Amino acid sequence: MLTPMIRDSSGKLVPATWDEAMNLMVKKATDSLKQRGSNSDSTGQGLLEDYYTIAKFRRAGLQTHLLDANTRLCTATTEFCLLQSFC
């Protein structure tokens, strides 16, 4: 994917510029923080290094210590099941 995609008013994905996509992300994050407070956002799937960097930004910029990394929830259970299956 070389071009960011955003949803238009009808819900269809359309190509956008990087500035449009980043401005939309900032707007959505700002709206969420205003409506629900600093502990209102979450993260998706990532690597350990990604989560370390995200955590630093969250602590410094968003004033929250909460970070629920999907790797702890998803990958840990998958690893356990694989170990049970093959060991």
C-alpha atoms as a PDB file:
ATOM      1  CA  MET A   1       0.000   0.000   0.000  1.00  0.00           C
ATOM      2  CA  LEU A   2       1.683   3.144  -1.219  1.00  0.00           C
ATOM      3  CA  THR A   3      -1.249   5.528  -0.776  1.00  0.00           C
ATOM      4  CA  PRO A   4      -3.262   5.963   2.408  1.00  0.00           C
ATOM      5  CA  MET A   5      -6.977   5.225   2.193  1.00  0.00           C
ATOM      6  CA  ILE A   6      -9.689   6.994   4.198  1.00  0.00           C
ATOM      7  CA  ARG A   7     -13.447   6.513   4.283  1.00  0.00           C
ATOM      8  CA  ASP A   8     -15.567   9.169   2.609  1.00  0.00           C
ATOM      9  CA  SER A   9     -19.000  10.254   3.874  1.00  0.00           C
ATOM     10  CA  SER A  10     -20.634   7.182   2.291  1.00  0.00           C
ATOM     11  CA  GLY A  11     -18.185   4.805   4.003  1.00  0.00           C
ATOM     12  CA  LYS A  12     -16.258   3.942   0.835  1.00  0.00           C
ATOM     13  CA  LEU A  13     -12.440   3.782   0.991  1.00  0.00           C
ATOM     14  CA  VAL A  14     -10.858   6.400  -1.233  1.00  0.00           C
ATOM     15  CA  PRO A  15      -7.215   7.384  -1.826  1.00  0.00           C
ATOM     16  CA  ALA A  16      -5.947  10.325   0.221  1.00  0.00           C
ATOM     17  CA  THR A  17      -2.752  12.286   0.607  1.00  0.00           C
ATOM     18  CA  TRP A  18      -0.478  11.545   3.547  1.00  0.00           C
ATOM     19  CA  ASP A  19      -1.346  14.951   5.021  1.00  0.00           C
ATOM     20  CA  GLU A  20      -5.080  14.199   4.815  1.00  0.00           C
ATOM     21  CA  ALA A  21      -4.618  10.807   6.456  1.00  0.00           C
ATOM     22  CA  MET A  22      -2.415  12.136   9.264  1.00  0.00           C
ATOM     23  CA  ASN A  23      -4.745  15.084   9.904  1.00  0.00           C
ATOM     24  CA  LEU A  24      -7.683  12.683  10.147  1.00  0.00           C
ATOM     25  CA  MET A  25      -5.790  10.471  12.619  1.00  0.00           C
ATOM     26  CA  VAL A  26      -4.908  13.491  14.761  1.00  0.00           C
ATOM     27  CA  LYS A  27      -8.509  14.721  14.678  1.00  0.00           C
ATOM     28  CA  LYS A  28      -9.935  11.310  15.665  1.00  0.00           C
ATOM     29  CA  ALA A  29      -7.402  10.898  18.496  1.00  0.00           C
ATOM     30  CA  THR A  30      -8.032  14.434  19.753  1.00  0.00           C
ATOM     31  CA  ASP A  31     -11.801  13.932  19.663  1.00  0.00           C
ATOM     32  CA  SER A  32     -11.475  10.657  21.577  1.00  0.00           C
ATOM     33  CA  LEU A  33      -9.251  12.250  24.221  1.00  0.00           C
ATOM     34  CA  LYS A  34     -11.669  15.158  24.672  1.00  0.00           C
ATOM     35  CA  GLN A  35     -14.712  12.889  24.957  1.00  0.00           C
ATOM     36  CA  ARG A  36     -13.286  10.008  27.011  1.00  0.00           C
ATOM     37  CA  GLY A  37     -10.074  11.213  28.654  1.00  0.00           C
ATOM     38  CA  SER A  38      -6.437  10.185  28.411  1.00  0.00           C
ATOM     39  CA  ASN A  39      -7.055   6.470  28.969  1.00  0.00           C
ATOM     40  CA  SER A  40      -9.570   6.100  26.147  1.00  0.00           C
ATOM     41  CA  ASP A  41      -7.427   4.816  23.313  1.00  0.00           C
ATOM     42  CA  SER A  42      -5.944   1.416  22.546  1.00  0.00           C
ATOM     43  CA  THR A  43      -3.328  -0.160  20.340  1.00  0.00           C
ATOM     44  CA  GLY A  44      -3.393  -2.921  17.777  1.00  0.00           C
ATOM     45  CA  GLN A  45      -1.000  -5.676  16.821  1.00  0.00           C
ATOM     46  CA  GLY A  46       2.650  -4.758  16.895  1.00  0.00           C
ATOM     47  CA  LEU A  47       6.138  -5.876  17.820  1.00  0.00           C
ATOM     48  CA  LEU A  48       7.772  -5.390  21.204  1.00  0.00           C
ATOM     49  CA  GLU A  49       9.781  -2.437  19.877  1.00  0.00           C
ATOM     50  CA  ASP A  50       6.586  -0.818  18.560  1.00  0.00           C
ATOM     51  CA  TYR A  51       4.925  -1.093  21.955  1.00  0.00           C
ATOM     52  CA  TYR A  52       7.967   0.300  23.745  1.00  0.00           C
ATOM     53  CA  THR A  53       7.920   3.384  21.516  1.00  0.00           C
ATOM     54  CA  ILE A  54       4.133   3.759  21.792  1.00  0.00           C
ATOM     55  CA  ALA A  55       4.349   3.498  25.587  1.00  0.00           C
ATOM     56  CA  LYS A  56       6.949   6.271  25.750  1.00  0.00           C
ATOM     57  CA  PHE A  57       4.774   8.588  23.659  1.00  0.00           C
ATOM     58  CA  ARG A  58       1.665   7.724  25.683  1.00  0.00           C
ATOM     59  CA  ARG A  59       3.353   8.426  28.992  1.00  0.00           C
ATOM     60  CA  ALA A  60       4.917  11.689  27.851  1.00  0.00           C
ATOM     61  CA  GLY A  61       2.278  13.055  25.495  1.00  0.00           C
ATOM     62  CA  LEU A  62      -1.036  11.603  26.641  1.00  0.00           C
ATOM     63  CA  GLN A  63      -0.269  11.425  30.359  1.00  0.00           C
ATOM     64  CA  THR A  64      -1.376   7.793  30.643  1.00  0.00           C
ATOM     65  CA  HIS A  65       0.493   4.700  31.767  1.00  0.00           C
ATOM     66  CA  LEU A  66      -2.069   2.269  30.353  1.00  0.00           C
ATOM     67  CA  LEU A  67      -0.971   0.132  27.430  1.00  0.00           C
ATOM     68  CA  ASP A  68      -2.661  -3.145  26.655  1.00  0.00           C
ATOM     69  CA  ALA A  69      -0.451  -4.711  24.036  1.00  0.00           C
ATOM     70  CA  ASN A  70      -2.251  -7.235  21.898  1.00  0.00           C
ATOM     71  CA  THR A  71       0.832  -9.447  21.904  1.00  0.00           C
ATOM     72  CA  ARG A  72       0.197 -10.251  25.552  1.00  0.00           C
ATOM     73  CA  LEU A  73      -3.410 -11.220  24.928  1.00  0.00           C
ATOM     74  CA  CYS A  74      -3.311 -12.849  21.526  1.00  0.00           C
ATOM     75  CA  THR A  75       0.164 -14.171  20.916  1.00  0.00           C
ATOM     76  CA  ALA A  76       0.564 -15.614  24.414  1.00  0.00           C
ATOM     77  CA  THR A  77      -2.515 -17.806  24.055  1.00  0.00           C
ATOM     78  CA  THR A  78      -1.499 -18.870  20.562  1.00  0.00           C
ATOM     79  CA  GLU A  79       1.969 -19.789  21.780  1.00  0.00           C
ATOM     80  CA  PHE A  80       0.517 -21.838  24.651  1.00  0.00           C
ATOM     81  CA  CYS A  81      -1.785 -23.719  22.249  1.00  0.00           C
ATOM     82  CA  LEU A  82       1.044 -24.408  19.819  1.00  0.00           C
ATOM     83  CA  LEU A  83       3.199 -25.752  22.625  1.00  0.00           C
ATOM     84  CA  GLN A  84       0.366 -28.018  23.751  1.00  0.00           C
ATOM     85  CA  SER A  85      -0.164 -29.236  20.207  1.00  0.00           C
ATOM     86  CA  PHE A  86       3.408 -30.022  19.260  1.00  0.00           C
ATOM     87  CA  CYS A  87       5.164 -30.920  22.534  1.00  0.00           C
END
